[in-house]
Amino acid sequence: IGEPLDNYENVIKFLHNVNNENGLNISMRNITLSTCGI
């Protein structure tokens, strides 16, 4: 639910937090962001 790029700052912060090695440590290459075209 929602348009990720319409919530840009929070989404970018989320991406960095889940990628952090002291957090969930999920590779950025394993993350897909879908937008309707903003």
PDB file of all heavy atoms in Angstrom:
ATOM      1  N   ILE A   1       0.840  -1.191   0.000  1.00  0.00           N
ATOM      2  CA  ILE A   1       0.000   0.000   0.000  1.00  0.00           C
ATOM      3  C   ILE A   1       0.878   1.245   0.000  1.00  0.00           C
ATOM      4  O   ILE A   1       1.823   1.364   0.775  1.00  0.00           O
ATOM      5  CB  ILE A   1      -0.927   0.004   1.224  1.00  0.00           C
ATOM      6  CG1 ILE A   1      -1.924  -1.163   1.133  1.00  0.00           C
ATOM      7  CG2 ILE A   1      -1.671   1.326   1.340  1.00  0.00           C
ATOM      8  CD1 ILE A   1      -2.790  -1.314   2.368  1.00  0.00           C
ATOM      9  N   GLY A   2       0.555   2.201  -0.884  1.00  0.00           N
ATOM     10  CA  GLY A   2       1.268   3.474  -0.920  1.00  0.00           C
ATOM     11  C   GLY A   2       2.246   3.596  -2.075  1.00  0.00           C
ATOM     12  O   GLY A   2       2.596   2.616  -2.730  1.00  0.00           O
ATOM     13  N   GLU A   3       2.671   4.808  -2.320  1.00  0.00           N
ATOM     14  CA  GLU A   3       3.673   5.147  -3.343  1.00  0.00           C
ATOM     15  C   GLU A   3       4.973   5.501  -2.622  1.00  0.00           C
ATOM     16  O   GLU A   3       5.078   6.546  -1.971  1.00  0.00           O
ATOM     17  CB  GLU A   3       3.174   6.326  -4.183  1.00  0.00           C
ATOM     18  CG  GLU A   3       4.236   7.055  -4.987  1.00  0.00           C
ATOM     19  CD  GLU A   3       5.033   6.163  -5.915  1.00  0.00           C
ATOM     20  OE1 GLU A   3       4.428   5.474  -6.755  1.00  0.00           O
ATOM     21  OE2 GLU A   3       6.284   6.166  -5.800  1.00  0.00           O
ATOM     22  N   PRO A   4       5.988   4.633  -2.704  1.00  0.00           N
ATOM     23  CA  PRO A   4       7.236   4.858  -1.954  1.00  0.00           C
ATOM     24  C   PRO A   4       7.896   6.209  -2.193  1.00  0.00           C
ATOM     25  O   PRO A   4       8.392   6.841  -1.253  1.00  0.00           O
ATOM     26  CB  PRO A   4       8.140   3.710  -2.420  1.00  0.00           C
ATOM     27  CG  PRO A   4       7.200   2.645  -2.851  1.00  0.00           C
ATOM     28  CD  PRO A   4       6.016   3.360  -3.442  1.00  0.00           C
ATOM     29  N   LEU A   5       7.900   6.681  -3.448  1.00  0.00           N
ATOM     30  CA  LEU A   5       8.585   7.946  -3.736  1.00  0.00           C
ATOM     31  C   LEU A   5       7.771   9.161  -3.304  1.00  0.00           C
ATOM     32  O   LEU A   5       8.281  10.284  -3.319  1.00  0.00           O
ATOM     33  CB  LEU A   5       8.939   8.035  -5.228  1.00  0.00           C
ATOM     34  CG  LEU A   5       9.956   7.000  -5.723  1.00  0.00           C
ATOM     35  CD1 LEU A   5      10.387   7.320  -7.147  1.00  0.00           C
ATOM     36  CD2 LEU A   5      11.174   6.900  -4.812  1.00  0.00           C
ATOM     37  N   ASP A   6       6.521   8.942  -2.886  1.00  0.00           N
ATOM     38  CA  ASP A   6       5.726  10.006  -2.295  1.00  0.00           C
ATOM     39  C   ASP A   6       6.016  10.130  -0.791  1.00  0.00           C
ATOM     40  O   ASP A   6       5.553  11.051  -0.136  1.00  0.00           O
ATOM     41  CB  ASP A   6       4.237   9.727  -2.523  1.00  0.00           C
ATOM     42  CG  ASP A   6       3.337  10.904  -2.138  1.00  0.00           C
ATOM     43  OD1 ASP A   6       3.704  12.051  -2.456  1.00  0.00           O
ATOM     44  OD2 ASP A   6       2.289  10.668  -1.520  1.00  0.00           O
ATOM     45  N   ASN A   7       6.803   9.196  -0.278  1.00  0.00           N
ATOM     46  CA  ASN A   7       7.247   9.189   1.121  1.00  0.00           C
ATOM     47  C   ASN A   7       8.766   9.057   1.127  1.00  0.00           C
ATOM     48  O   ASN A   7       9.340   8.211   1.816  1.00  0.00           O
ATOM     49  CB  ASN A   7       6.580   8.026   1.873  1.00  0.00           C
ATOM     50  CG  ASN A   7       6.864   8.034   3.359  1.00  0.00           C
ATOM     51  OD1 ASN A   7       7.256   9.047   3.931  1.00  0.00           O
ATOM     52  ND2 ASN A   7       6.661   6.889   3.999  1.00  0.00           N
ATOM     53  N   TYR A   8       9.404   9.902   0.333  1.00  0.00           N
ATOM     54  CA  TYR A   8      10.798   9.705  -0.053  1.00  0.00           C
ATOM     55  C   TYR A   8      11.761   9.624   1.136  1.00  0.00           C
ATOM     56  O   TYR A   8      12.535   8.668   1.256  1.00  0.00           O
ATOM     57  CB  TYR A   8      11.224  10.841  -0.996  1.00  0.00           C
ATOM     58  CG  TYR A   8      12.591  10.639  -1.598  1.00  0.00           C
ATOM     59  CD1 TYR A   8      12.759   9.830  -2.718  1.00  0.00           C
ATOM     60  CD2 TYR A   8      13.712  11.256  -1.058  1.00  0.00           C
ATOM     61  CE1 TYR A   8      14.012   9.633  -3.286  1.00  0.00           C
ATOM     62  CE2 TYR A   8      14.973  11.063  -1.612  1.00  0.00           C
ATOM     63  CZ  TYR A   8      15.115  10.252  -2.729  1.00  0.00           C
ATOM     64  OH  TYR A   8      16.351  10.052  -3.272  1.00  0.00           O
ATOM     65  N   GLU A   9      11.750  10.631   2.012  1.00  0.00           N
ATOM     66  CA  GLU A   9      12.745  10.697   3.081  1.00  0.00           C
ATOM     67  C   GLU A   9      12.646   9.485   4.001  1.00  0.00           C
ATOM     68  O   GLU A   9      13.664   8.900   4.389  1.00  0.00           O
ATOM     69  CB  GLU A   9      12.598  11.989   3.892  1.00  0.00           C
ATOM     70  CG  GLU A   9      13.052  13.246   3.166  1.00  0.00           C
ATOM     71  CD  GLU A   9      12.044  13.753   2.144  1.00  0.00           C
ATOM     72  OE1 GLU A   9      10.886  13.262   2.157  1.00  0.00           O
ATOM     73  OE2 GLU A   9      12.403  14.640   1.341  1.00  0.00           O
ATOM     74  N   ASN A  10      11.429   9.107   4.371  1.00  0.00           N
ATOM     75  CA  ASN A  10      11.267   7.955   5.265  1.00  0.00           C
ATOM     76  C   ASN A  10      11.683   6.655   4.589  1.00  0.00           C
ATOM     77  O   ASN A  10      12.266   5.770   5.225  1.00  0.00           O
ATOM     78  CB  ASN A  10       9.813   7.855   5.737  1.00  0.00           C
ATOM     79  CG  ASN A  10       9.454   8.941   6.725  1.00  0.00           C
ATOM     80  OD1 ASN A  10      10.255   9.303   7.592  1.00  0.00           O
ATOM     81  ND2 ASN A  10       8.247   9.474   6.618  1.00  0.00           N
ATOM     82  N   VAL A  11      11.392   6.522   3.305  1.00  0.00           N
ATOM     83  CA  VAL A  11      11.770   5.307   2.574  1.00  0.00           C
ATOM     84  C   VAL A  11      13.283   5.195   2.455  1.00  0.00           C
ATOM     85  O   VAL A  11      13.856   4.113   2.658  1.00  0.00           O
ATOM     86  CB  VAL A  11      11.096   5.276   1.187  1.00  0.00           C
ATOM     87  CG1 VAL A  11      11.761   4.238   0.275  1.00  0.00           C
ATOM     88  CG2 VAL A  11       9.608   4.970   1.331  1.00  0.00           C
ATOM     89  N   ILE A  12      13.961   6.291   2.147  1.00  0.00           N
ATOM     90  CA  ILE A  12      15.426   6.258   2.042  1.00  0.00           C
ATOM     91  C   ILE A  12      16.050   5.884   3.383  1.00  0.00           C
ATOM     92  O   ILE A  12      16.994   5.077   3.453  1.00  0.00           O
ATOM     93  CB  ILE A  12      15.978   7.616   1.550  1.00  0.00           C
ATOM     94  CG1 ILE A  12      15.515   7.885   0.114  1.00  0.00           C
ATOM     95  CG2 ILE A  12      17.496   7.648   1.639  1.00  0.00           C
ATOM     96  CD1 ILE A  12      15.987   6.871  -0.911  1.00  0.00           C
ATOM     97  N   LYS A  13      15.529   6.441   4.466  1.00  0.00           N
ATOM     98  CA  LYS A  13      16.043   6.105   5.797  1.00  0.00           C
ATOM     99  C   LYS A  13      15.802   4.624   6.102  1.00  0.00           C
ATOM    100  O   LYS A  13      16.672   3.937   6.651  1.00  0.00           O
ATOM    101  CB  LYS A  13      15.383   6.988   6.847  1.00  0.00           C
ATOM    102  CG  LYS A  13      16.088   6.967   8.201  1.00  0.00           C
ATOM    103  CD  LYS A  13      15.424   7.893   9.187  1.00  0.00           C
ATOM    104  CE  LYS A  13      15.553   9.361   8.784  1.00  0.00           C
ATOM    105  NZ  LYS A  13      14.999  10.256   9.820  1.00  0.00           N
ATOM    106  N   PHE A  14      14.630   4.123   5.726  1.00  0.00           N
ATOM    107  CA  PHE A  14      14.325   2.702   5.897  1.00  0.00           C
ATOM    108  C   PHE A  14      15.328   1.830   5.148  1.00  0.00           C
ATOM    109  O   PHE A  14      15.841   0.836   5.691  1.00  0.00           O
ATOM    110  CB  PHE A  14      12.907   2.422   5.399  1.00  0.00           C
ATOM    111  CG  PHE A  14      12.626   0.985   5.056  1.00  0.00           C
ATOM    112  CD1 PHE A  14      12.424   0.045   6.049  1.00  0.00           C
ATOM    113  CD2 PHE A  14      12.557   0.579   3.728  1.00  0.00           C
ATOM    114  CE1 PHE A  14      12.177  -1.285   5.727  1.00  0.00           C
ATOM    115  CE2 PHE A  14      12.305  -0.740   3.394  1.00  0.00           C
ATOM    116  CZ  PHE A  14      12.110  -1.676   4.403  1.00  0.00           C
ATOM    117  N   LEU A  15      15.641   2.197   3.913  1.00  0.00           N
ATOM    118  CA  LEU A  15      16.579   1.410   3.114  1.00  0.00           C
ATOM    119  C   LEU A  15      17.947   1.329   3.784  1.00  0.00           C
ATOM    120  O   LEU A  15      18.562   0.259   3.840  1.00  0.00           O
ATOM    121  CB  LEU A  15      16.712   2.018   1.715  1.00  0.00           C
ATOM    122  CG  LEU A  15      15.478   1.959   0.812  1.00  0.00           C
ATOM    123  CD1 LEU A  15      15.734   2.693  -0.502  1.00  0.00           C
ATOM    124  CD2 LEU A  15      15.059   0.527   0.544  1.00  0.00           C
ATOM    125  N   HIS A  16      18.422   2.446   4.297  1.00  0.00           N
ATOM    126  CA  HIS A  16      19.730   2.448   4.961  1.00  0.00           C
ATOM    127  C   HIS A  16      19.691   1.643   6.259  1.00  0.00           C
ATOM    128  O   HIS A  16      20.663   0.942   6.583  1.00  0.00           O
ATOM    129  CB  HIS A  16      20.183   3.881   5.226  1.00  0.00           C
ATOM    130  CG  HIS A  16      20.662   4.596   3.996  1.00  0.00           C
ATOM    131  ND1 HIS A  16      21.812   4.220   3.321  1.00  0.00           N
ATOM    132  CD2 HIS A  16      20.147   5.651   3.312  1.00  0.00           C
ATOM    133  CE1 HIS A  16      21.989   5.015   2.281  1.00  0.00           C
ATOM    134  NE2 HIS A  16      20.998   5.886   2.252  1.00  0.00           N
ATOM    135  N   ASN A  17      18.590   1.727   6.998  1.00  0.00           N
ATOM    136  CA  ASN A  17      18.506   0.992   8.261  1.00  0.00           C
ATOM    137  C   ASN A  17      18.456  -0.518   8.051  1.00  0.00           C
ATOM    138  O   ASN A  17      19.125  -1.274   8.766  1.00  0.00           O
ATOM    139  CB  ASN A  17      17.298   1.453   9.078  1.00  0.00           C
ATOM    140  CG  ASN A  17      17.560   2.747   9.830  1.00  0.00           C
ATOM    141  OD1 ASN A  17      18.705   3.140  10.054  1.00  0.00           O
ATOM    142  ND2 ASN A  17      16.491   3.421  10.238  1.00  0.00           N
ATOM    143  N   VAL A  18      17.682  -1.004   7.074  1.00  0.00           N
ATOM    144  CA  VAL A  18      17.605  -2.457   6.868  1.00  0.00           C
ATOM    145  C   VAL A  18      18.879  -2.998   6.236  1.00  0.00           C
ATOM    146  O   VAL A  18      19.182  -4.188   6.354  1.00  0.00           O
ATOM    147  CB  VAL A  18      16.382  -2.874   6.013  1.00  0.00           C
ATOM    148  CG1 VAL A  18      15.089  -2.570   6.738  1.00  0.00           C
ATOM    149  CG2 VAL A  18      16.411  -2.251   4.630  1.00  0.00           C
ATOM    150  N   ASN A  19      19.648  -2.112   5.589  1.00  0.00           N
ATOM    151  CA  ASN A  19      20.913  -2.521   4.982  1.00  0.00           C
ATOM    152  C   ASN A  19      22.067  -2.519   5.980  1.00  0.00           C
ATOM    153  O   ASN A  19      23.088  -3.178   5.767  1.00  0.00           O
ATOM    154  CB  ASN A  19      21.229  -1.595   3.801  1.00  0.00           C
ATOM    155  CG  ASN A  19      22.569  -1.864   3.150  1.00  0.00           C
ATOM    156  OD1 ASN A  19      23.471  -1.028   3.165  1.00  0.00           O
ATOM    157  ND2 ASN A  19      22.728  -3.034   2.562  1.00  0.00           N
ATOM    158  N   ASN A  20      21.924  -1.809   7.082  1.00  0.00           N
ATOM    159  CA  ASN A  20      22.999  -1.660   8.060  1.00  0.00           C
ATOM    160  C   ASN A  20      23.423  -3.022   8.614  1.00  0.00           C
ATOM    161  O   ASN A  20      22.585  -3.843   8.987  1.00  0.00           O
ATOM    162  CB  ASN A  20      22.528  -0.748   9.203  1.00  0.00           C
ATOM    163  CG  ASN A  20      23.665  -0.298  10.091  1.00  0.00           C
ATOM    164  OD1 ASN A  20      24.316  -1.094  10.764  1.00  0.00           O
ATOM    165  ND2 ASN A  20      23.899   1.007  10.111  1.00  0.00           N
ATOM    166  N   GLU A  21      24.732  -3.243   8.682  1.00  0.00           N
ATOM    167  CA  GLU A  21      25.243  -4.542   9.139  1.00  0.00           C
ATOM    168  C   GLU A  21      24.910  -4.813  10.601  1.00  0.00           C
ATOM    169  O   GLU A  21      24.935  -5.964  11.050  1.00  0.00           O
ATOM    170  CB  GLU A  21      26.754  -4.620   8.927  1.00  0.00           C
ATOM    171  CG  GLU A  21      27.557  -3.593   9.694  1.00  0.00           C
ATOM    172  CD  GLU A  21      29.035  -3.678   9.425  1.00  0.00           C
ATOM    173  OE1 GLU A  21      29.445  -4.487   8.564  1.00  0.00           O
ATOM    174  OE2 GLU A  21      29.803  -2.941  10.071  1.00  0.00           O
ATOM    175  N   ASN A  22      24.592  -3.771  11.357  1.00  0.00           N
ATOM    176  CA  ASN A  22      24.198  -3.951  12.752  1.00  0.00           C
ATOM    177  C   ASN A  22      22.681  -4.063  12.922  1.00  0.00           C
ATOM    178  O   ASN A  22      22.178  -4.093  14.044  1.00  0.00           O
ATOM    179  CB  ASN A  22      24.720  -2.791  13.613  1.00  0.00           C
ATOM    180  CG  ASN A  22      26.235  -2.768  13.666  1.00  0.00           C
ATOM    181  OD1 ASN A  22      26.858  -3.798  13.898  1.00  0.00           O
ATOM    182  ND2 ASN A  22      26.820  -1.616  13.425  1.00  0.00           N
ATOM    183  N   GLY A  23      21.991  -4.100  11.773  1.00  0.00           N
ATOM    184  CA  GLY A  23      20.543  -4.277  11.784  1.00  0.00           C
ATOM    185  C   GLY A  23      20.187  -5.576  11.093  1.00  0.00           C
ATOM    186  O   GLY A  23      20.791  -6.623  11.335  1.00  0.00           O
ATOM    187  N   LEU A  24      19.226  -5.532  10.190  1.00  0.00           N
ATOM    188  CA  LEU A  24      18.809  -6.731   9.470  1.00  0.00           C
ATOM    189  C   LEU A  24      19.827  -7.160   8.421  1.00  0.00           C
ATOM    190  O   LEU A  24      19.806  -8.296   7.946  1.00  0.00           O
ATOM    191  CB  LEU A  24      17.444  -6.500   8.817  1.00  0.00           C
ATOM    192  CG  LEU A  24      16.265  -6.440   9.797  1.00  0.00           C
ATOM    193  CD1 LEU A  24      15.001  -5.946   9.102  1.00  0.00           C
ATOM    194  CD2 LEU A  24      16.011  -7.793  10.434  1.00  0.00           C
ATOM    195  N   ASN A  25      20.696  -6.218   8.010  1.00  0.00           N
ATOM    196  CA  ASN A  25      21.802  -6.526   7.098  1.00  0.00           C
ATOM    197  C   ASN A  25      21.314  -7.153   5.794  1.00  0.00           C
ATOM    198  O   ASN A  25      21.861  -8.142   5.305  1.00  0.00           O
ATOM    199  CB  ASN A  25      22.821  -7.451   7.777  1.00  0.00           C
ATOM    200  CG  ASN A  25      24.146  -7.507   7.039  1.00  0.00           C
ATOM    201  OD1 ASN A  25      24.509  -6.584   6.321  1.00  0.00           O
ATOM    202  ND2 ASN A  25      24.868  -8.605   7.202  1.00  0.00           N
ATOM    203  N   ILE A  26      20.269  -6.573   5.221  1.00  0.00           N
ATOM    204  CA  ILE A  26      19.733  -7.040   3.943  1.00  0.00           C
ATOM    205  C   ILE A  26      20.408  -6.274   2.812  1.00  0.00           C
ATOM    206  O   ILE A  26      20.451  -5.042   2.822  1.00  0.00           O
ATOM    207  CB  ILE A  26      18.205  -6.860   3.891  1.00  0.00           C
ATOM    208  CG1 ILE A  26      17.539  -7.760   4.935  1.00  0.00           C
ATOM    209  CG2 ILE A  26      17.655  -7.148   2.499  1.00  0.00           C
ATOM    210  CD1 ILE A  26      16.041  -7.595   5.045  1.00  0.00           C
ATOM    211  N   SER A  27      20.933  -6.993   1.850  1.00  0.00           N
ATOM    212  CA  SER A  27      21.651  -6.371   0.743  1.00  0.00           C
ATOM    213  C   SER A  27      20.738  -5.450  -0.055  1.00  0.00           C
ATOM    214  O   SER A  27      19.586  -5.791  -0.333  1.00  0.00           O
ATOM    215  CB  SER A  27      22.224  -7.451  -0.176  1.00  0.00           C
ATOM    216  OG  SER A  27      22.728  -6.879  -1.378  1.00  0.00           O
ATOM    217  N   MET A  28      21.269  -4.288  -0.432  1.00  0.00           N
ATOM    218  CA  MET A  28      20.507  -3.374  -1.286  1.00  0.00           C
ATOM    219  C   MET A  28      20.111  -4.055  -2.598  1.00  0.00           C
ATOM    220  O   MET A  28      19.072  -3.741  -3.184  1.00  0.00           O
ATOM    221  CB  MET A  28      21.322  -2.119  -1.587  1.00  0.00           C
ATOM    222  CG  MET A  28      21.493  -1.169  -0.423  1.00  0.00           C
ATOM    223  SD  MET A  28      20.039  -0.135  -0.186  1.00  0.00           S
ATOM    224  CE  MET A  28      20.649   0.992   1.085  1.00  0.00           C
ATOM    225  N   ARG A  29      20.935  -4.986  -3.057  1.00  0.00           N
ATOM    226  CA  ARG A  29      20.648  -5.674  -4.314  1.00  0.00           C
ATOM    227  C   ARG A  29      19.452  -6.620  -4.193  1.00  0.00           C
ATOM    228  O   ARG A  29      18.945  -7.115  -5.200  1.00  0.00           O
ATOM    229  CB  ARG A  29      21.891  -6.446  -4.793  1.00  0.00           C
ATOM    230  CG  ARG A  29      23.050  -5.519  -5.123  1.00  0.00           C
ATOM    231  CD  ARG A  29      24.263  -6.261  -5.664  1.00  0.00           C
ATOM    232  NE  ARG A  29      25.364  -5.350  -5.888  1.00  0.00           N
ATOM    233  CZ  ARG A  29      25.529  -4.596  -6.961  1.00  0.00           C
ATOM    234  NH1 ARG A  29      24.640  -4.666  -7.939  1.00  0.00           N
ATOM    235  NH2 ARG A  29      26.566  -3.789  -7.078  1.00  0.00           N
ATOM    236  N   ASN A  30      19.024  -6.867  -2.957  1.00  0.00           N
ATOM    237  CA  ASN A  30      17.855  -7.708  -2.719  1.00  0.00           C
ATOM    238  C   ASN A  30      16.599  -6.880  -2.453  1.00  0.00           C
ATOM    239  O   ASN A  30      15.598  -7.415  -1.967  1.00  0.00           O
ATOM    240  CB  ASN A  30      18.105  -8.636  -1.526  1.00  0.00           C
ATOM    241  CG  ASN A  30      19.143  -9.698  -1.812  1.00  0.00           C
ATOM    242  OD1 ASN A  30      19.570  -9.873  -2.945  1.00  0.00           O
ATOM    243  ND2 ASN A  30      19.569 -10.404  -0.778  1.00  0.00           N
ATOM    244  N   ILE A  31      16.663  -5.591  -2.754  1.00  0.00           N
ATOM    245  CA  ILE A  31      15.540  -4.694  -2.481  1.00  0.00           C
ATOM    246  C   ILE A  31      15.023  -4.104  -3.794  1.00  0.00           C
ATOM    247  O   ILE A  31      15.799  -3.613  -4.614  1.00  0.00           O
ATOM    248  CB  ILE A  31      15.941  -3.558  -1.526  1.00  0.00           C
ATOM    249  CG1 ILE A  31      16.432  -4.137  -0.187  1.00  0.00           C
ATOM    250  CG2 ILE A  31      14.778  -2.597  -1.291  1.00  0.00           C
ATOM    251  CD1 ILE A  31      16.968  -3.105   0.783  1.00  0.00           C
ATOM    252  N   THR A  32      13.725  -4.162  -3.987  1.00  0.00           N
ATOM    253  CA  THR A  32      13.070  -3.594  -5.163  1.00  0.00           C
ATOM    254  C   THR A  32      12.117  -2.490  -4.725  1.00  0.00           C
ATOM    255  O   THR A  32      11.330  -2.680  -3.799  1.00  0.00           O
ATOM    256  CB  THR A  32      12.283  -4.670  -5.928  1.00  0.00           C
ATOM    257  OG1 THR A  32      13.195  -5.667  -6.411  1.00  0.00           O
ATOM    258  CG2 THR A  32      11.529  -4.068  -7.107  1.00  0.00           C
ATOM    259  N   LEU A  33      12.209  -1.340  -5.378  1.00  0.00           N
ATOM    260  CA  LEU A  33      11.319  -0.215  -5.104  1.00  0.00           C
ATOM    261  C   LEU A  33      10.464   0.037  -6.335  1.00  0.00           C
ATOM    262  O   LEU A  33      10.987   0.233  -7.432  1.00  0.00           O
ATOM    263  CB  LEU A  33      12.123   1.027  -4.735  1.00  0.00           C
ATOM    264  CG  LEU A  33      11.345   2.271  -4.306  1.00  0.00           C
ATOM    265  CD1 LEU A  33      12.187   3.126  -3.353  1.00  0.00           C
ATOM    266  CD2 LEU A  33      10.923   3.130  -5.493  1.00  0.00           C
ATOM    267  N   SER A  34       9.149   0.050  -6.139  1.00  0.00           N
ATOM    268  CA  SER A  34       8.224   0.247  -7.251  1.00  0.00           C
ATOM    269  C   SER A  34       7.564   1.613  -7.151  1.00  0.00           C
ATOM    270  O   SER A  34       7.065   1.999  -6.093  1.00  0.00           O
ATOM    271  CB  SER A  34       7.145  -0.842  -7.230  1.00  0.00           C
ATOM    272  OG  SER A  34       6.186  -0.617  -8.237  1.00  0.00           O
ATOM    273  N   THR A  35       7.562   2.348  -8.253  1.00  0.00           N
ATOM    274  CA  THR A  35       6.932   3.669  -8.293  1.00  0.00           C
ATOM    275  C   THR A  35       6.032   3.792  -9.513  1.00  0.00           C
ATOM    276  O   THR A  35       6.289   3.180 -10.559  1.00  0.00           O
ATOM    277  CB  THR A  35       7.985   4.792  -8.326  1.00  0.00           C
ATOM    278  OG1 THR A  35       7.320   6.064  -8.470  1.00  0.00           O
ATOM    279  CG2 THR A  35       8.953   4.624  -9.491  1.00  0.00           C
ATOM    280  N   CYS A  36       4.986   4.607  -9.391  1.00  0.00           N
ATOM    281  CA  CYS A  36       4.096   4.848 -10.529  1.00  0.00           C
ATOM    282  C   CYS A  36       4.664   5.917 -11.457  1.00  0.00           C
ATOM    283  O   CYS A  36       4.088   6.198 -12.503  1.00  0.00           O
ATOM    284  CB  CYS A  36       2.706   5.237 -10.048  1.00  0.00           C
ATOM    285  SG  CYS A  36       2.634   6.814  -9.188  1.00  0.00           S
ATOM    286  N   GLY A  37       5.795   6.525 -11.058  1.00  0.00           N
ATOM    287  CA  GLY A  37       6.454   7.462 -11.969  1.00  0.00           C
ATOM    288  C   GLY A  37       6.467   8.902 -11.507  1.00  0.00           C
ATOM    289  O   GLY A  37       6.092   9.800 -12.267  1.00  0.00           O
ATOM    290  N   ILE A  38       6.906   9.133 -10.273  1.00  0.00           N
ATOM    291  CA  ILE A  38       7.093  10.504  -9.789  1.00  0.00           C
ATOM    292  C   ILE A  38       8.479  10.948 -10.256  1.00  0.00           C
ATOM    293  O   ILE A  38       9.492  10.681  -9.607  1.00  0.00           O
ATOM    294  CB  ILE A  38       6.947  10.577  -8.256  1.00  0.00           C
ATOM    295  CG1 ILE A  38       5.550  10.094  -7.857  1.00  0.00           C
ATOM    296  CG2 ILE A  38       7.173  12.005  -7.751  1.00  0.00           C
ATOM    297  CD1 ILE A  38       5.283  10.106  -6.371  1.00  0.00           C
TER     298      ILE A  38
END
